[in-house]
Amino acid sequence: DDDDNDEDDEEEDGRRRLRFETIGDVAILRAPRDLDRAETDWDALAADARSILRKNRGIKIVALRAASLSGAARAPGDDDLRILAGPDRSPLVTTVSERGVRAVADLRRAFFSPRMADERGRLCRAAGEGERVLVAFAGIGMEGLLLAARTPVGKVVLLEAGKEAARCAELGR
């Protein structure tokens, strides 16, 4: 399952420990707010990324998100999600699993956060038998997929304006 690695920034020996979240088989490093792309030591970041790959068997790609998520899609796009280690997968698509339900996420084109798993669980617990549920701004569809698979609701309809996110939702199961 996907989870967040919120460890301290420094290990006992003074080395830097990178913070990342795992989405499917991709680890996404959080860039510092003051990231200067021209002055960043990309070789050192790539070495750190390779270290993450060695220590975490389920991770196949390590990427750096260089900007906060903004815009209607809340997705980083090609310029703000840079692969540091692992194969250059394009599109950067992965499968995420939550409570036994799988969804497809295009990490450059659609929003998904494993940090919202508790909220998705709360929605499922609140759903009543036979209810008809509309999930607006559905993104990759994880909320709707969970509601359909794990609750007694009668019908779930997903509404998503972003074509890449909607395509991901169609592929989920």
Protein backbone atom coordinates (compact mmCIF):
# COMPACT_ATOMS: atom_id res chain seq x y z
CA ASP A 1 0.00 0.00 0.00
CA ASP A 2 1.03 3.60 -0.46
CA ASP A 3 2.30 5.53 2.51
CA ASP A 4 4.26 8.58 3.42
CA ASN A 5 7.85 8.46 4.63
CA ASP A 6 7.93 11.28 7.16
CA GLU A 7 11.26 10.56 8.74
CA ASP A 8 13.63 13.11 10.22
CA ASP A 9 15.72 15.17 7.83
CA GLU A 10 19.03 14.03 9.30
CA GLU A 11 20.39 10.65 10.33
CA GLU A 12 22.60 10.11 13.39
CA ASP A 13 25.80 10.31 11.34
CA GLY A 14 24.81 13.75 10.01
CA ARG A 15 23.87 12.58 6.52
CA ARG A 16 20.77 14.04 4.96
CA ARG A 17 17.66 11.85 4.95
CA LEU A 18 15.31 12.63 2.11
CA ARG A 19 11.57 12.87 2.65
CA PHE A 20 9.34 11.25 0.09
CA GLU A 21 5.89 9.85 -0.43
CA THR A 22 5.23 6.62 -2.24
CA ILE A 23 2.56 6.43 -4.93
CA GLY A 24 2.42 2.97 -6.46
CA ASP A 25 5.99 2.09 -7.41
CA VAL A 26 7.14 5.72 -7.53
CA ALA A 27 8.80 7.66 -4.71
CA ILE A 28 8.26 11.40 -4.99
CA LEU A 29 10.79 13.60 -3.25
CA ARG A 30 9.66 16.95 -2.00
CA ALA A 31 11.90 19.70 -3.28
CA PRO A 32 12.84 22.47 -0.89
CA ARG A 33 10.81 25.64 -1.37
CA ASP A 34 13.92 27.55 -2.34
CA LEU A 35 15.03 25.09 -5.03
CA ASP A 36 17.21 26.82 -7.60
CA ARG A 37 17.31 24.53 -10.62
CA ALA A 38 20.47 26.13 -12.00
CA GLU A 39 22.40 25.64 -8.75
CA THR A 40 21.02 22.25 -7.70
CA ASP A 41 23.53 19.41 -7.43
CA TRP A 42 21.59 16.99 -9.63
CA ASP A 43 24.31 14.32 -9.35
CA ALA A 44 23.98 14.29 -5.55
CA LEU A 45 20.18 14.12 -5.81
CA ALA A 46 20.45 11.24 -8.30
CA ALA A 47 22.81 9.40 -5.91
CA ASP A 48 20.30 9.89 -3.08
CA ALA A 49 17.53 8.63 -5.37
CA ARG A 50 19.51 5.50 -6.24
CA SER A 51 19.95 4.91 -2.51
CA ILE A 52 16.17 5.04 -2.06
CA LEU A 53 15.79 2.45 -4.83
CA ARG A 54 18.32 0.14 -3.16
CA LYS A 55 16.61 0.37 0.24
CA ASN A 56 13.00 0.02 -0.96
CA ARG A 57 12.33 -2.98 -3.19
CA GLY A 58 8.83 -1.90 -4.19
CA ILE A 59 10.02 1.44 -5.54
CA LYS A 60 11.05 1.40 -9.20
CA ILE A 61 11.32 5.14 -9.90
CA VAL A 62 12.36 8.12 -7.78
CA ALA A 63 11.20 11.53 -8.98
CA LEU A 64 11.54 15.06 -7.67
CA ARG A 65 8.50 17.32 -7.59
CA ALA A 66 10.02 20.74 -8.08
CA ALA A 67 6.92 22.88 -7.56
CA SER A 68 3.74 22.86 -5.54
CA LEU A 69 0.65 21.49 -7.22
CA SER A 70 -1.49 24.18 -8.76
CA GLY A 71 -3.91 24.80 -11.59
CA ALA A 72 -7.17 23.06 -12.33
CA ALA A 73 -5.60 19.59 -12.60
CA ARG A 74 -3.39 20.04 -9.51
CA ALA A 75 -0.75 18.06 -11.38
CA PRO A 76 2.93 18.89 -11.82
CA GLY A 77 3.20 18.45 -15.61
CA ASP A 78 6.38 17.49 -17.46
CA ASP A 79 8.60 20.29 -16.18
CA ASP A 80 7.95 19.96 -12.46
CA LEU A 81 8.25 16.19 -11.96
CA ARG A 82 11.76 15.06 -12.84
CA ILE A 83 12.85 11.40 -12.72
CA LEU A 84 16.10 11.07 -10.78
CA ALA A 85 16.51 7.28 -10.73
CA GLY A 86 14.90 4.30 -12.41
CA PRO A 87 13.55 3.99 -15.94
CA ASP A 88 12.33 7.11 -17.72
CA ARG A 89 8.69 6.09 -17.87
CA SER A 90 6.60 8.35 -20.06
CA PRO A 91 3.82 8.81 -19.35
CA LEU A 92 4.64 8.40 -15.66
CA VAL A 93 1.76 6.04 -14.87
CA THR A 94 1.56 3.77 -11.85
CA THR A 95 -1.02 1.60 -10.14
CA VAL A 96 -2.04 2.52 -6.61
CA SER A 97 -3.81 0.22 -4.20
CA GLU A 98 -5.93 1.25 -1.26
CA ARG A 99 -8.08 -1.09 0.84
CA GLY A 100 -7.81 -3.71 -1.89
CA VAL A 101 -8.99 -1.39 -4.66
CA ARG A 102 -6.66 -0.50 -7.52
CA ALA A 103 -6.54 2.76 -9.43
CA VAL A 104 -4.29 4.07 -12.17
CA ALA A 105 -2.48 7.37 -11.64
CA ASP A 106 -0.70 9.46 -14.27
CA LEU A 107 1.53 11.37 -11.88
CA ARG A 108 2.34 14.18 -14.30
CA ARG A 109 -1.22 14.77 -15.48
CA ALA A 110 -3.61 13.92 -12.62
CA PHE A 111 -3.80 14.57 -8.90
CA PHE A 112 -3.56 11.77 -6.36
CA SER A 113 -2.40 11.87 -2.77
CA PRO A 114 -1.97 8.85 -0.49
CA ARG A 115 -2.30 11.32 2.39
CA MET A 116 -6.04 11.52 1.71
CA ALA A 117 -6.60 7.80 2.43
CA ASP A 118 -8.16 8.51 5.84
CA GLU A 119 -10.63 10.94 4.29
CA ARG A 120 -11.56 8.38 1.64
CA GLY A 121 -12.12 5.86 4.44
CA ARG A 122 -14.35 8.35 6.27
CA LEU A 123 -16.43 8.82 3.11
CA CYS A 124 -16.87 5.07 2.80
CA ARG A 125 -17.97 4.75 6.43
CA ALA A 126 -20.53 7.54 5.93
CA ALA A 127 -22.09 5.99 2.82
CA GLY A 128 -25.50 4.42 3.34
CA GLU A 129 -27.17 1.43 1.76
CA GLY A 130 -28.75 2.12 -1.61
CA GLU A 131 -27.55 5.74 -1.76
CA ARG A 132 -26.71 7.30 -5.10
CA VAL A 133 -23.37 9.08 -4.88
CA LEU A 134 -21.94 11.75 -7.17
CA VAL A 135 -18.20 12.23 -6.84
CA ALA A 136 -17.42 15.65 -8.32
CA PHE A 137 -13.80 16.48 -9.14
CA ALA A 138 -13.13 12.74 -9.05
CA GLY A 139 -9.50 12.87 -10.18
CA ILE A 140 -8.24 9.34 -10.81
CA GLY A 141 -11.45 8.03 -9.25
CA MET A 142 -10.16 6.42 -6.05
CA GLU A 143 -13.06 7.75 -3.94
CA GLY A 144 -15.66 6.41 -6.37
CA LEU A 145 -13.90 3.09 -6.84
CA LEU A 146 -13.73 2.59 -3.07
CA LEU A 147 -17.38 3.56 -2.62
CA ALA A 148 -18.46 1.13 -5.34
CA ALA A 149 -16.30 -1.74 -4.08
CA ARG A 150 -16.45 -1.37 -0.30
CA THR A 151 -19.87 0.07 0.56
CA PRO A 152 -23.54 -0.86 0.05
CA VAL A 153 -24.30 2.23 -2.06
CA GLY A 154 -26.68 1.76 -4.97
CA LYS A 155 -24.85 3.77 -7.62
CA VAL A 156 -21.67 5.84 -7.93
CA VAL A 157 -21.16 8.45 -10.65
CA LEU A 158 -17.76 10.09 -11.16
CA LEU A 159 -17.45 13.56 -12.63
CA GLU A 160 -14.02 14.76 -13.79
CA ALA A 161 -13.20 17.57 -16.23
CA GLY A 162 -9.55 16.63 -16.80
CA LYS A 163 -9.31 14.12 -19.63
CA GLU A 164 -6.11 12.47 -18.34
CA ALA A 165 -7.58 12.01 -14.85
CA ALA A 166 -10.86 10.73 -16.32
CA ARG A 167 -8.92 8.23 -18.42
CA CYS A 168 -7.17 7.01 -15.25
CA ALA A 169 -10.54 6.65 -13.49
CA GLU A 170 -11.86 4.52 -16.36
CA LEU A 171 -8.91 2.14 -15.96
CA GLY A 172 -9.36 1.65 -12.19
CA ARG A 173 -10.90 -1.46 -10.71
